Amino acid sequence: MSEERVIMPIFLSNSSNLNENALSIKFQLLNQTGEIRCRQAVYNPNDPFNMSVAINATSMNCNRYRDILPFNHNRVKLIQQRPNKTDYINASHIKAPNDVRSYIATQGPLNETIEDFWLMVWEQNTYVIVMLTKQNEKGEIKCETYWPENVGYYMIFEDIGLKVTLESEVLDEKSNCYIRTLKLEKVEGLTMECRQITQLQTLAWPDHGLPNSPDPIINLIVKKNEFVQHYTRLNVNGNIGPIVVHCSAGCGRTGTFCTIDSTLALLPNLQQSDPTDLIFNVIQHFRQQRIAMEYQFSPKYSPYPSQNPTNQDQRSPSSSLSDLPSSSFPRTHDDSSSQSSSQPILASGSRGKKRAWTKEEDQALLDSIIVELSGHWSSICSRNELLIQRGPSMVSQRFKTSIKNKLLGSGGKK
């Protein structure tokens, strides 16, 4: 039986998309656009990108990092009313283009938000949790252990009438992740409802680094898909809620995972002749839903192929994910780079500027960025000294220096 095969899309074989300078500038422009969007929202309380709920005094203690906050327009709202509690949780509804995937991107729970986390899982009808961090990395707590640590043990949250029991825990060597089966029991009045969920915790994604190969992440996506299909079949109406994805801050590794997963889901319906840069568009789409849902561009692990495989056939993603041209993936922003800031209302990484930009400067630069985004990326590399001088906040200093040297002929060192 012959395998279904697809021709590689143009955006993966277009040399202008593979140019390191163009790619670096491309992602810097995205970073700058996101930063301006957040800064402008401060001026308008009704702006959908305003984060006023997250920076409210009653909410700030619920945030792991002061500069990674959900937008008002798509934040997850807890439904059940509780004494001395609000509806706030640091979590965002995330929709992929064409609604091919839906997620809840959230931070790793703090000790005081574990109850909020499980209430969200229950209320959002979630059946699969993807955890992309260890609890402790390099001596720093990245996420609390929000599940019972031993099989047969349970946690009880009396205020919300929820009991969480660990039923099984196995290590899947192929995907290098723990697969935990948990039972949720919700008591409301005289009735009790039970639900089984699965948590996948990868061990392959180190802090401040990359997996040794993309295989564990691709295998994790395959495993996630298997459980989503399993629970969809078991559900009477075939309708289950979004998966919950988290790392520590709920943006870097979380954004990378969601981008890879969504891109794979979109590829089968992409026309080979379509020049749209799918990866870039997915990231741009996610950026409007949560801060820093993105890559930090790295030529070593790029979402784009390192060669120009024009007219080269590739297997369909549904046949073999590991054979996709995007067999390596990019570096994420280290979650720990989002440490406490004195200005929590600004986008992540906006700290350390000598002077705040005016609203007029923001708008002028935003307009110029929009013009550039509508053009050809290969032409950007010769004329963006202004952006390099100002230094978009979410790009590492190493790449700022590298790009500046190449574009401006500077002999500066790292």
Protein backbone atom coordinates (compact mmCIF):
# COMPACT_ATOMS: atom_id res chain seq x y z
CA MET A 1 0.00 0.00 0.00
CA SER A 2 1.56 3.28 -1.14
CA GLU A 3 2.06 6.10 1.33
CA GLU A 4 0.37 9.44 0.83
CA ARG A 5 3.02 12.00 -0.01
CA VAL A 6 2.98 15.76 -0.34
CA ILE A 7 5.30 18.19 -2.08
CA MET A 8 7.24 20.48 0.22
CA PRO A 9 5.52 23.89 0.49
CA ILE A 10 7.18 26.84 -1.17
CA PHE A 11 7.89 28.58 2.14
CA LEU A 12 10.14 25.68 3.15
CA SER A 13 12.08 25.75 -0.11
CA ASN A 14 12.22 29.51 -0.66
CA SER A 15 15.80 30.65 -0.21
CA SER A 16 14.72 34.04 1.17
CA ASN A 17 13.02 32.24 4.05
CA LEU A 18 16.21 30.33 4.79
CA ASN A 19 18.50 33.36 4.97
CA GLU A 20 19.73 33.70 8.54
CA ASN A 21 19.81 37.50 8.39
CA ALA A 22 16.26 37.69 7.05
CA LEU A 23 14.97 35.23 9.61
CA SER A 24 16.61 37.06 12.48
CA ILE A 25 15.18 40.40 11.41
CA LYS A 26 11.82 38.79 10.78
CA PHE A 27 11.52 37.54 14.32
CA GLN A 28 12.92 40.73 15.78
CA LEU A 29 10.15 42.65 14.04
CA LEU A 30 7.60 40.31 15.56
CA ASN A 31 9.11 40.90 18.98
CA GLN A 32 9.01 44.66 18.54
CA THR A 33 5.41 44.59 17.30
CA GLY A 34 4.32 42.61 20.35
CA GLU A 35 6.11 44.97 22.71
CA ILE A 36 4.51 48.02 21.12
CA ARG A 37 1.09 46.36 21.21
CA CYS A 38 1.38 45.79 24.94
CA ARG A 39 2.75 49.25 25.64
CA GLN A 40 -0.02 50.95 23.70
CA ALA A 41 -2.64 48.92 25.56
CA VAL A 42 -1.58 50.64 28.77
CA TYR A 43 -3.04 53.89 27.44
CA ASN A 44 -6.45 52.33 26.83
CA PRO A 45 -8.22 50.28 29.54
CA ASN A 46 -10.61 48.91 26.93
CA ASP A 47 -7.85 47.69 24.65
CA PRO A 48 -8.11 43.87 24.29
CA PHE A 49 -4.39 43.58 24.96
CA ASN A 50 -4.67 45.40 28.25
CA MET A 51 -3.61 43.29 31.24
CA SER A 52 -5.32 45.27 33.98
CA VAL A 53 -6.89 42.20 35.60
CA ALA A 54 -3.54 40.44 35.86
CA ILE A 55 -1.81 43.41 37.49
CA ASN A 56 -4.59 44.01 39.98
CA ALA A 57 -3.31 43.83 43.54
CA THR A 58 -5.41 40.73 44.25
CA SER A 59 -4.00 38.97 41.18
CA MET A 60 -0.28 39.72 41.37
CA ASN A 61 0.39 37.11 44.06
CA CYS A 62 -0.99 34.52 41.65
CA ASN A 63 1.65 35.27 38.99
CA ARG A 64 4.89 33.31 38.97
CA TYR A 65 6.61 36.05 36.95
CA ARG A 66 5.52 39.66 37.09
CA ASP A 67 6.02 40.28 33.37
CA ILE A 68 4.31 37.19 31.92
CA LEU A 69 0.64 38.03 32.21
CA PRO A 70 -2.52 37.12 30.29
CA PHE A 71 -4.36 39.64 28.15
CA ASN A 72 -7.82 40.62 29.33
CA HIS A 73 -9.50 39.57 26.10
CA ASN A 74 -8.71 35.85 26.26
CA ARG A 75 -7.74 35.10 29.84
CA VAL A 76 -9.26 31.99 31.40
CA LYS A 77 -11.90 32.90 33.98
CA LEU A 78 -12.65 30.58 36.87
CA ILE A 79 -16.39 30.05 37.19
CA GLN A 80 -17.00 28.64 40.66
CA GLN A 81 -17.32 31.35 43.27
CA ARG A 82 -15.17 30.92 46.36
CA PRO A 83 -14.73 32.99 49.51
CA ASN A 84 -11.84 35.45 49.31
CA LYS A 85 -11.07 34.35 45.75
CA THR A 86 -11.50 35.98 42.35
CA ASP A 87 -11.95 34.47 38.89
CA TYR A 88 -8.28 35.11 38.04
CA ILE A 89 -5.70 32.54 37.00
CA ASN A 90 -2.57 33.18 34.93
CA ALA A 91 -3.81 31.26 31.90
CA SER A 92 -4.82 32.12 28.34
CA HIS A 93 -7.15 30.55 25.81
CA ILE A 94 -5.08 29.88 22.68
CA LYS A 95 -6.58 29.13 19.27
CA ALA A 96 -4.46 28.02 16.32
CA PRO A 97 -5.22 29.39 12.84
CA ASN A 98 -8.34 27.84 11.32
CA ASP A 99 -9.10 26.43 14.78
CA VAL A 100 -7.08 23.29 14.03
CA ARG A 101 -5.94 23.22 17.64
CA SER A 102 -7.04 24.78 20.90
CA TYR A 103 -4.98 25.08 24.06
CA ILE A 104 -4.87 26.67 27.44
CA ALA A 105 -1.39 28.10 27.97
CA THR A 106 -0.61 28.63 31.62
CA GLN A 107 2.24 29.03 34.07
CA GLY A 108 3.51 26.22 36.24
CA PRO A 109 1.29 26.33 39.33
CA LEU A 110 2.51 28.05 42.47
CA ASN A 111 1.76 26.41 45.80
CA GLU A 112 -1.06 28.90 46.38
CA THR A 113 -2.56 28.37 42.89
CA ILE A 114 -2.71 24.56 42.75
CA GLU A 115 -6.38 24.65 43.68
CA ASP A 116 -7.01 27.24 40.96
CA PHE A 117 -5.21 25.04 38.43
CA TRP A 118 -7.32 21.96 39.13
CA LEU A 119 -10.51 23.99 39.17
CA MET A 120 -9.59 25.32 35.73
CA VAL A 121 -8.88 21.80 34.45
CA TRP A 122 -12.28 20.67 35.69
CA GLU A 123 -14.29 23.64 34.47
CA GLN A 124 -12.64 23.70 31.03
CA ASN A 125 -13.35 19.99 30.52
CA THR A 126 -9.65 19.27 29.99
CA TYR A 127 -8.53 15.67 29.61
CA VAL A 128 -4.85 16.07 28.67
CA ILE A 129 -2.14 18.15 30.39
CA VAL A 130 1.27 18.66 28.74
CA MET A 131 4.00 19.68 31.19
CA LEU A 132 7.21 20.94 29.56
CA THR A 133 9.37 21.54 32.61
CA LYS A 134 10.78 19.74 35.60
CA GLN A 135 9.67 20.93 39.01
CA ASN A 136 13.20 22.05 39.84
CA GLU A 137 15.84 23.08 37.32
CA LYS A 138 19.34 24.14 38.34
CA GLY A 139 18.25 24.70 41.91
CA GLU A 140 15.32 26.93 40.98
CA ILE A 141 11.69 25.97 41.51
CA LYS A 142 9.97 26.09 38.13
CA CYS A 143 6.69 24.45 39.05
CA GLU A 144 5.12 22.99 42.16
CA THR A 145 4.27 19.30 42.25
CA TYR A 146 0.55 19.83 41.83
CA TRP A 147 -0.34 16.12 41.72
CA PRO A 148 0.00 13.33 44.33
CA GLU A 149 3.54 11.97 44.23
CA ASN A 150 2.70 8.32 44.90
CA VAL A 151 0.27 6.00 43.16
CA GLY A 152 -2.89 5.62 45.21
CA TYR A 153 -2.37 8.90 47.05
CA TYR A 154 -4.74 11.81 46.64
CA MET A 155 -5.23 15.52 47.24
CA ILE A 156 -8.47 17.02 48.51
CA PHE A 157 -9.47 20.61 47.85
CA GLU A 158 -12.40 21.17 50.18
CA ASP A 159 -13.23 24.69 49.05
CA ILE A 160 -14.02 23.49 45.54
CA GLY A 161 -15.14 19.94 46.38
CA LEU A 162 -12.44 18.30 44.26
CA LYS A 163 -10.36 15.19 44.89
CA VAL A 164 -7.33 14.33 42.72
CA THR A 165 -5.94 10.78 42.85
CA LEU A 166 -2.83 9.46 41.10
CA GLU A 167 -3.83 6.13 39.55
CA SER A 168 -0.68 5.28 37.58
CA GLU A 169 2.71 6.64 36.55
CA VAL A 170 4.95 5.20 33.84
CA LEU A 171 8.03 6.47 32.03
CA ASP A 172 7.69 6.30 28.25
CA GLU A 173 11.25 5.96 26.97
CA LYS A 174 10.47 6.78 23.34
CA SER A 175 9.04 10.19 24.14
CA ASN A 176 11.16 10.54 27.30
CA CYS A 177 8.19 11.60 29.35
CA TYR A 178 6.19 10.51 32.35
CA ILE A 179 2.64 9.46 31.62
CA ARG A 180 0.44 9.93 34.66
CA THR A 181 -3.18 8.90 34.91
CA LEU A 182 -5.21 10.86 37.43
CA LYS A 183 -8.80 10.61 38.59
CA LEU A 184 -10.72 13.78 39.34
CA GLU A 185 -13.80 13.53 41.55
CA LYS A 186 -16.04 16.58 41.90
CA VAL A 187 -18.66 16.72 44.64
CA GLU A 188 -21.52 19.17 44.23
CA GLY A 189 -24.30 18.85 46.77
CA LEU A 190 -25.41 15.23 46.83
CA THR A 191 -23.91 14.36 43.44
CA MET A 192 -20.41 13.30 42.46
CA GLU A 193 -18.87 13.24 39.00
CA CYS A 194 -15.64 11.45 38.07
CA ARG A 195 -13.24 12.10 35.24
CA GLN A 196 -9.97 10.48 34.20
CA ILE A 197 -7.24 12.69 32.78
CA THR A 198 -3.68 12.17 31.55
CA GLN A 199 -0.63 14.28 32.28
CA LEU A 200 2.44 14.07 30.02
CA GLN A 201 5.61 15.49 31.58
CA THR A 202 8.61 15.67 29.28
CA LEU A 203 12.11 15.23 30.69
CA ALA A 204 13.83 16.07 27.41
CA TRP A 205 13.66 19.86 27.43
CA PRO A 206 16.40 21.31 29.65
CA ASP A 207 16.32 24.76 31.16
CA HIS A 208 18.37 27.29 29.14
CA GLY A 209 18.84 24.76 26.36
CA LEU A 210 17.49 22.39 23.77
CA PRO A 211 16.67 18.71 23.61
CA ASN A 212 19.47 16.66 22.09
CA SER A 213 17.23 16.08 19.08
CA PRO A 214 13.71 17.02 18.00
CA ASP A 215 12.54 13.42 18.27
CA PRO A 216 11.37 13.54 21.92
CA ILE A 217 9.17 16.57 21.22
CA ILE A 218 7.74 15.09 18.03
CA ASN A 219 7.09 11.84 19.90
CA LEU A 220 5.46 13.84 22.71
CA ILE A 221 3.10 15.42 20.18
CA VAL A 222 2.26 11.99 18.79
CA LYS A 223 1.57 10.72 22.31
CA LYS A 224 -0.58 13.76 23.06
CA ASN A 225 -2.60 13.15 19.91
CA GLU A 226 -3.16 9.53 20.89
CA PHE A 227 -4.63 10.50 24.25
CA VAL A 228 -6.77 13.28 22.79
CA GLN A 229 -8.22 10.79 20.30
CA HIS A 230 -8.71 8.23 23.07
CA TYR A 231 -10.69 10.60 25.28
CA THR A 232 -12.64 11.96 22.32
CA ARG A 233 -13.81 8.44 21.49
CA LEU A 234 -14.77 7.78 25.11
CA ASN A 235 -16.75 10.99 25.42
CA VAL A 236 -20.42 10.51 24.62
CA ASN A 237 -20.69 13.55 22.37
CA GLY A 238 -17.06 13.44 21.23
CA ASN A 239 -16.48 16.90 22.62
CA ILE A 240 -13.63 17.45 25.06
CA GLY A 241 -12.05 20.69 26.22
CA PRO A 242 -8.69 22.17 25.23
CA ILE A 243 -5.47 20.58 26.39
CA VAL A 244 -3.57 22.47 29.07
CA VAL A 245 0.07 23.22 28.18
CA HIS A 246 2.53 24.72 30.62
CA CYS A 247 6.22 25.13 31.30
CA SER A 248 7.29 27.51 34.05
CA ALA A 249 6.14 30.86 32.68
CA GLY A 250 3.72 29.43 30.14
CA CYS A 251 5.23 31.15 27.12
CA GLY A 252 8.67 30.00 25.84
CA ARG A 253 8.61 26.23 25.75
CA THR A 254 4.82 26.32 25.79
CA GLY A 255 4.76 28.56 22.71
CA THR A 256 7.25 26.37 20.89
CA PHE A 257 5.27 23.20 21.58
CA CYS A 258 1.99 24.78 20.47
CA THR A 259 3.60 26.20 17.32
CA ILE A 260 5.10 22.88 16.27
CA ASP A 261 1.87 21.02 17.03
CA SER A 262 -0.30 23.54 15.17
CA THR A 263 2.04 23.77 12.18
CA LEU A 264 1.96 20.00 11.77
CA ALA A 265 -1.84 20.10 11.88
CA LEU A 266 -2.00 22.86 9.26
CA LEU A 267 0.53 21.41 6.80
CA PRO A 268 -1.75 18.79 5.16
CA ASN A 269 -4.15 21.51 3.97
CA LEU A 270 -1.47 23.92 2.78
CA GLN A 271 -1.20 24.18 -0.99
CA GLN A 272 2.31 23.51 -2.26
CA SER A 273 2.16 26.73 -4.28
CA ASP A 274 1.14 28.82 -1.27
CA PRO A 275 4.08 31.13 -0.42
CA THR A 276 2.73 31.84 3.07
CA ASP A 277 5.34 31.31 5.76
CA LEU A 278 3.21 29.05 7.92
CA ILE A 279 5.55 28.97 10.91
CA PHE A 280 5.81 32.74 11.05
CA ASN A 281 2.04 33.16 10.71
CA VAL A 282 1.32 30.71 13.51
CA ILE A 283 3.69 32.51 15.87
CA GLN A 284 2.25 35.87 14.89
CA HIS A 285 -1.24 34.49 15.57
CA PHE A 286 -0.23 33.17 19.00
CA ARG A 287 1.48 36.44 19.95
CA GLN A 288 -1.91 38.15 19.90
CA GLN A 289 -3.14 35.68 22.51
CA ARG A 290 -0.28 35.47 25.03
CA ILE A 291 2.95 37.32 25.64
CA ALA A 292 6.12 35.69 24.27
CA MET A 293 4.40 32.68 22.68
CA GLU A 294 7.30 32.42 20.29
CA TYR A 295 10.73 31.28 19.29
CA GLN A 296 14.08 32.86 19.91
CA PHE A 297 15.59 32.45 16.48
CA SER A 298 18.53 30.06 16.41
CA PRO A 299 20.23 28.78 13.24
CA LYS A 300 21.23 25.60 15.06
CA TYR A 301 17.66 24.51 15.75
CA SER A 302 15.55 26.37 13.24
CA PRO A 303 11.99 25.53 12.22
CA TYR A 304 13.18 26.01 8.66
CA PRO A 305 15.23 23.35 6.83
CA SER A 306 18.94 24.00 6.52
CA GLN A 307 19.06 23.15 2.83
CA ASN A 308 16.95 24.00 -0.19
CA PRO A 309 15.10 20.75 -0.97
CA THR A 310 13.27 22.05 -4.04
CA ASN A 311 10.87 19.50 -5.53
CA GLN A 312 11.81 17.03 -2.85
CA ASP A 313 8.92 14.87 -1.74
CA GLN A 314 8.18 14.60 1.93
CA ARG A 315 5.90 12.25 3.76
CA SER A 316 2.59 13.54 4.94
CA PRO A 317 2.61 14.58 8.60
CA SER A 318 -0.03 11.97 9.20
CA SER A 319 2.30 9.29 7.91
CA SER A 320 5.53 10.09 9.71
CA LEU A 321 6.00 13.24 11.73
CA SER A 322 9.68 12.59 12.26
CA ASP A 323 10.32 12.76 8.50
CA LEU A 324 8.99 16.28 8.14
CA PRO A 325 11.37 18.90 6.77
CA SER A 326 11.10 20.74 10.06
CA SER A 327 13.08 17.98 11.68
CA SER A 328 14.79 20.45 13.93
CA PHE A 329 13.13 23.17 15.89
CA PRO A 330 14.12 26.48 17.41
CA ARG A 331 15.34 27.58 20.75
CA THR A 332 12.77 29.06 23.08
CA HIS A 333 13.19 31.99 25.34
CA ASP A 334 14.37 30.63 28.65
CA ASP A 335 11.47 30.74 31.04
CA SER A 336 13.68 32.02 33.79
CA SER A 337 14.50 35.09 31.72
CA SER A 338 11.09 36.35 32.75
CA GLN A 339 12.03 37.19 36.29
CA SER A 340 10.35 39.80 38.42
CA SER A 341 10.25 43.23 36.91
CA SER A 342 9.68 46.65 38.34
CA GLN A 343 7.32 47.36 35.44
CA PRO A 344 4.93 44.42 35.21
CA ILE A 345 2.59 46.07 32.73
CA LEU A 346 5.17 46.00 29.95
CA ALA A 347 5.89 43.07 27.69
CA SER A 348 8.47 40.55 28.81
CA GLY A 349 12.00 41.77 28.33
CA SER A 350 11.10 45.45 28.18
CA ARG A 351 13.22 46.24 31.21
CA GLY A 352 16.44 48.19 31.16
CA LYS A 353 15.68 50.91 28.61
CA LYS A 354 17.20 54.32 29.33
CA ARG A 355 14.11 56.21 28.22
CA ALA A 356 10.50 55.20 27.70
CA TRP A 357 9.30 55.61 24.14
CA THR A 358 6.51 58.06 23.52
CA LYS A 359 3.19 56.93 22.14
CA GLU A 360 3.94 58.79 18.88
CA GLU A 361 7.28 56.99 18.52
CA ASP A 362 5.57 53.69 19.14
CA GLN A 363 2.98 54.37 16.46
CA ALA A 364 5.57 55.52 13.93
CA LEU A 365 7.69 52.44 14.47
CA LEU A 366 4.63 50.20 14.43
CA ASP A 367 3.58 51.69 11.08
CA SER A 368 7.04 51.07 9.64
CA ILE A 369 7.00 47.50 10.93
CA ILE A 370 3.63 46.84 9.30
CA VAL A 371 5.04 48.08 6.00
CA GLU A 372 8.05 45.82 6.37
CA LEU A 373 5.93 42.83 7.31
CA SER A 374 4.00 43.17 4.06
CA GLY A 375 7.15 43.16 1.94
CA HIS A 376 9.93 40.72 1.14
CA TRP A 377 12.05 39.73 4.11
CA SER A 378 15.22 39.46 2.10
CA SER A 379 15.07 43.21 1.45
CA ILE A 380 14.86 44.07 5.14
CA CYS A 381 18.42 43.06 5.93
CA SER A 382 19.99 46.11 4.29
CA ARG A 383 18.06 48.83 6.11
CA ASN A 384 17.17 48.37 9.73
CA GLU A 385 19.88 50.11 11.69
CA LEU A 386 17.20 51.80 13.80
CA LEU A 387 15.78 48.50 14.97
CA ILE A 388 19.21 47.08 15.66
CA GLN A 389 20.22 50.17 17.64
CA ARG A 390 17.11 50.06 19.76
CA GLY A 391 17.37 46.33 20.12
CA PRO A 392 14.03 44.48 20.20
CA SER A 393 13.73 43.22 23.71
CA MET A 394 12.94 39.57 23.18
CA VAL A 395 16.02 38.64 21.13
CA SER A 396 19.18 37.44 22.83
CA GLN A 397 22.18 39.78 22.97
CA ARG A 398 24.18 37.22 21.02
CA PHE A 399 21.88 37.56 18.04
CA LYS A 400 21.57 41.33 18.35
CA THR A 401 25.36 41.58 18.11
CA SER A 402 25.59 39.03 15.32
CA ILE A 403 22.94 40.75 13.21
CA LYS A 404 24.40 44.19 13.84
CA ASN A 405 27.83 43.02 12.72
CA LYS A 406 26.45 41.54 9.52
CA LEU A 407 24.13 44.40 8.59
CA LEU A 408 26.18 47.37 9.70
CA GLY A 409 29.70 46.03 9.23
CA SER A 410 30.46 46.46 12.92
CA GLY A 411 33.45 44.72 14.37
CA GLY A 412 31.99 44.60 17.85
CA LYS A 413 32.36 41.60 20.08
CA LYS A 414 29.73 39.73 22.03
